[in-house]
Each structure stands twice: as structure tokens, then as C-alpha cells.
């Protein structure tokens, strides 16, 4: 099991807590941001392989921002590889 607290940059959410077991995502919790959407993302990535989640989420933008909460999650997950 690995735990990571990641402080986001450039998004409404300010922090992401991630729990993994090997290369599988066990739990993701966002703090701040769009609560319903972020709960949805957290549930969708649960049980997913880290690399698969990174491939799906990396590069997603929010409006005119150069990043998004899903993109920040991908950046955090890269630290767990």
C-alpha cells in the first residue's frame, strides 16, 4: 500500500489524497473543486491500474486553464510509478 498527498496547482481543488495497492488505485479523495464531478472521477478510477488512469486523464484542460483536476490527478499518479 502506498499513500500520497498531492497539492494541486492551477485548479479549484487544492489537494488530492491517493491510496494505491501495487499498481492499482484503491481510493482517491479531492479537496475543494466541483464536488460531484470529483466524486465521479474518484469512483471511476477506483480499481484502475495507475498507468491506465494516467493515459485517460493526462492533458485534460478546464476551460482556458492549461490543466484540470483530472490532469492534476494524472500528475500525482506519475509520482507513484
C-alpha atoms as a PDB file:
ATOM      1  CA  UNK A   1       0.000   0.000   0.000  1.00  0.00           C
ATOM      2  CA  UNK A   2       1.157   3.484  -0.834  1.00  0.00           C
ATOM      3  CA  UNK A   3      -0.376   6.789   0.246  1.00  0.00           C
ATOM      4  CA  UNK A   4       0.233  10.119  -1.438  1.00  0.00           C
ATOM      5  CA  UNK A   5      -0.981  13.611  -0.614  1.00  0.00           C
ATOM      6  CA  UNK A   6      -0.633  15.822  -3.684  1.00  0.00           C
ATOM      7  CA  UNK A   7      -1.156  19.595  -3.618  1.00  0.00           C
ATOM      8  CA  UNK A   8      -2.662  20.699  -6.914  1.00  0.00           C
ATOM      9  CA  UNK A   9      -1.639  23.690  -8.994  1.00  0.00           C
ATOM     10  CA  UNK A  10      -3.922  25.780 -11.189  1.00  0.00           C
ATOM     11  CA  UNK A  11      -7.226  24.124 -10.217  1.00  0.00           C
ATOM     12  CA  UNK A  12     -10.148  24.783  -7.902  1.00  0.00           C
ATOM     13  CA  UNK A  13      -9.317  21.658  -5.912  1.00  0.00           C
ATOM     14  CA  UNK A  14      -6.350  22.164  -3.609  1.00  0.00           C
ATOM     15  CA  UNK A  15      -5.360  18.640  -2.601  1.00  0.00           C
ATOM     16  CA  UNK A  16      -5.691  15.029  -3.733  1.00  0.00           C
ATOM     17  CA  UNK A  17      -5.187  12.073  -1.390  1.00  0.00           C
ATOM     18  CA  UNK A  18      -4.445   8.789  -3.157  1.00  0.00           C
ATOM     19  CA  UNK A  19      -4.177   5.240  -1.815  1.00  0.00           C
ATOM     20  CA  UNK A  20      -2.773   2.508  -4.061  1.00  0.00           C
ATOM     21  CA  UNK A  21      -2.040  -1.175  -3.678  1.00  0.00           C
ATOM     22  CA  UNK A  22       0.748  -2.099  -6.057  1.00  0.00           C
ATOM     23  CA  UNK A  23      -0.264  -0.602  -9.411  1.00  0.00           C
ATOM     24  CA  UNK A  24      -3.986  -0.468  -8.558  1.00  0.00           C
ATOM     25  CA  UNK A  25      -5.760   2.683  -7.350  1.00  0.00           C
ATOM     26  CA  UNK A  26      -7.669   1.884  -4.149  1.00  0.00           C
ATOM     27  CA  UNK A  27      -9.030   5.333  -3.245  1.00  0.00           C
ATOM     28  CA  UNK A  28      -8.888   8.959  -4.400  1.00  0.00           C
ATOM     29  CA  UNK A  29     -10.194  11.952  -2.446  1.00  0.00           C
ATOM     30  CA  UNK A  30     -10.198  15.524  -3.779  1.00  0.00           C
ATOM     31  CA  UNK A  31     -10.452  18.594  -1.525  1.00  0.00           C
ATOM     32  CA  UNK A  32     -12.181  21.639  -2.970  1.00  0.00           C
ATOM     33  CA  UNK A  33     -13.336  21.882  -6.556  1.00  0.00           C
ATOM     34  CA  UNK A  34     -16.577  20.600  -8.104  1.00  0.00           C
ATOM     35  CA  UNK A  35     -17.660  18.037  -5.533  1.00  0.00           C
ATOM     36  CA  UNK A  36     -19.996  15.953  -7.689  1.00  0.00           C
ATOM     37  CA  UNK A  37     -17.644  15.728 -10.663  1.00  0.00           C
ATOM     38  CA  UNK A  38     -14.662  14.902  -8.494  1.00  0.00           C
ATOM     39  CA  UNK A  39     -16.577  12.194  -6.635  1.00  0.00           C
ATOM     40  CA  UNK A  40     -17.391  10.730 -10.036  1.00  0.00           C
ATOM     41  CA  UNK A  41     -13.750  10.748 -11.141  1.00  0.00           C
ATOM     42  CA  UNK A  42     -12.723   9.166  -7.829  1.00  0.00           C
ATOM     43  CA  UNK A  43     -15.204   6.318  -8.272  1.00  0.00           C
ATOM     44  CA  UNK A  44     -14.292   5.779 -11.932  1.00  0.00           C
ATOM     45  CA  UNK A  45     -10.554   5.376 -11.257  1.00  0.00           C
ATOM     46  CA  UNK A  46     -11.027   3.092  -8.237  1.00  0.00           C
ATOM     47  CA  UNK A  47      -9.689  -0.353  -9.158  1.00  0.00           C
ATOM     48  CA  UNK A  48      -7.947   1.009 -12.269  1.00  0.00           C
ATOM     49  CA  UNK A  49      -4.245   0.492 -12.993  1.00  0.00           C
ATOM     50  CA  UNK A  50      -2.191   3.632 -12.393  1.00  0.00           C
ATOM     51  CA  UNK A  51      -0.839   3.750 -15.963  1.00  0.00           C
ATOM     52  CA  UNK A  52      -4.322   3.313 -17.457  1.00  0.00           C
ATOM     53  CA  UNK A  53      -5.680   6.225 -15.411  1.00  0.00           C
ATOM     54  CA  UNK A  54      -2.741   8.429 -16.410  1.00  0.00           C
ATOM     55  CA  UNK A  55      -3.346   7.682 -20.111  1.00  0.00           C
ATOM     56  CA  UNK A  56      -7.029   8.606 -19.820  1.00  0.00           C
ATOM     57  CA  UNK A  57      -6.659  11.756 -17.678  1.00  0.00           C
ATOM     58  CA  UNK A  58      -3.386  13.374 -18.707  1.00  0.00           C
ATOM     59  CA  UNK A  59      -3.728  16.564 -20.725  1.00  0.00           C
ATOM     60  CA  UNK A  60      -7.392  17.287 -19.963  1.00  0.00           C
ATOM     61  CA  UNK A  61      -7.930  21.036 -19.706  1.00  0.00           C
ATOM     62  CA  UNK A  62     -10.554  23.004 -17.792  1.00  0.00           C
ATOM     63  CA  UNK A  63     -11.798  25.943 -19.836  1.00  0.00           C
ATOM     64  CA  UNK A  64      -8.888  28.227 -20.663  1.00  0.00           C
ATOM     65  CA  UNK A  65      -6.665  26.739 -17.953  1.00  0.00           C
ATOM     66  CA  UNK A  66      -3.663  24.671 -19.006  1.00  0.00           C
ATOM     67  CA  UNK A  67      -4.646  21.922 -16.558  1.00  0.00           C
ATOM     68  CA  UNK A  68      -7.671  20.428 -14.781  1.00  0.00           C
ATOM     69  CA  UNK A  69      -8.448  18.292 -11.751  1.00  0.00           C
ATOM     70  CA  UNK A  70      -8.189  15.087 -13.835  1.00  0.00           C
ATOM     71  CA  UNK A  71      -4.854  16.275 -15.275  1.00  0.00           C
ATOM     72  CA  UNK A  72      -3.602  17.044 -11.770  1.00  0.00           C
ATOM     73  CA  UNK A  73      -4.621  13.531 -10.699  1.00  0.00           C
ATOM     74  CA  UNK A  74      -2.541  12.146 -13.593  1.00  0.00           C
ATOM     75  CA  UNK A  75       0.448  14.223 -12.437  1.00  0.00           C
ATOM     76  CA  UNK A  76       0.019  12.911  -8.890  1.00  0.00           C
ATOM     77  CA  UNK A  77      -0.254   9.310 -10.092  1.00  0.00           C
ATOM     78  CA  UNK A  78       3.009   9.704 -12.041  1.00  0.00           C
ATOM     79  CA  UNK A  79       4.750  10.181  -8.693  1.00  0.00           C
ATOM     80  CA  UNK A  80       3.613   6.687  -7.678  1.00  0.00           C
ATOM     81  CA  UNK A  81       5.149   4.855 -10.640  1.00  0.00           C
END
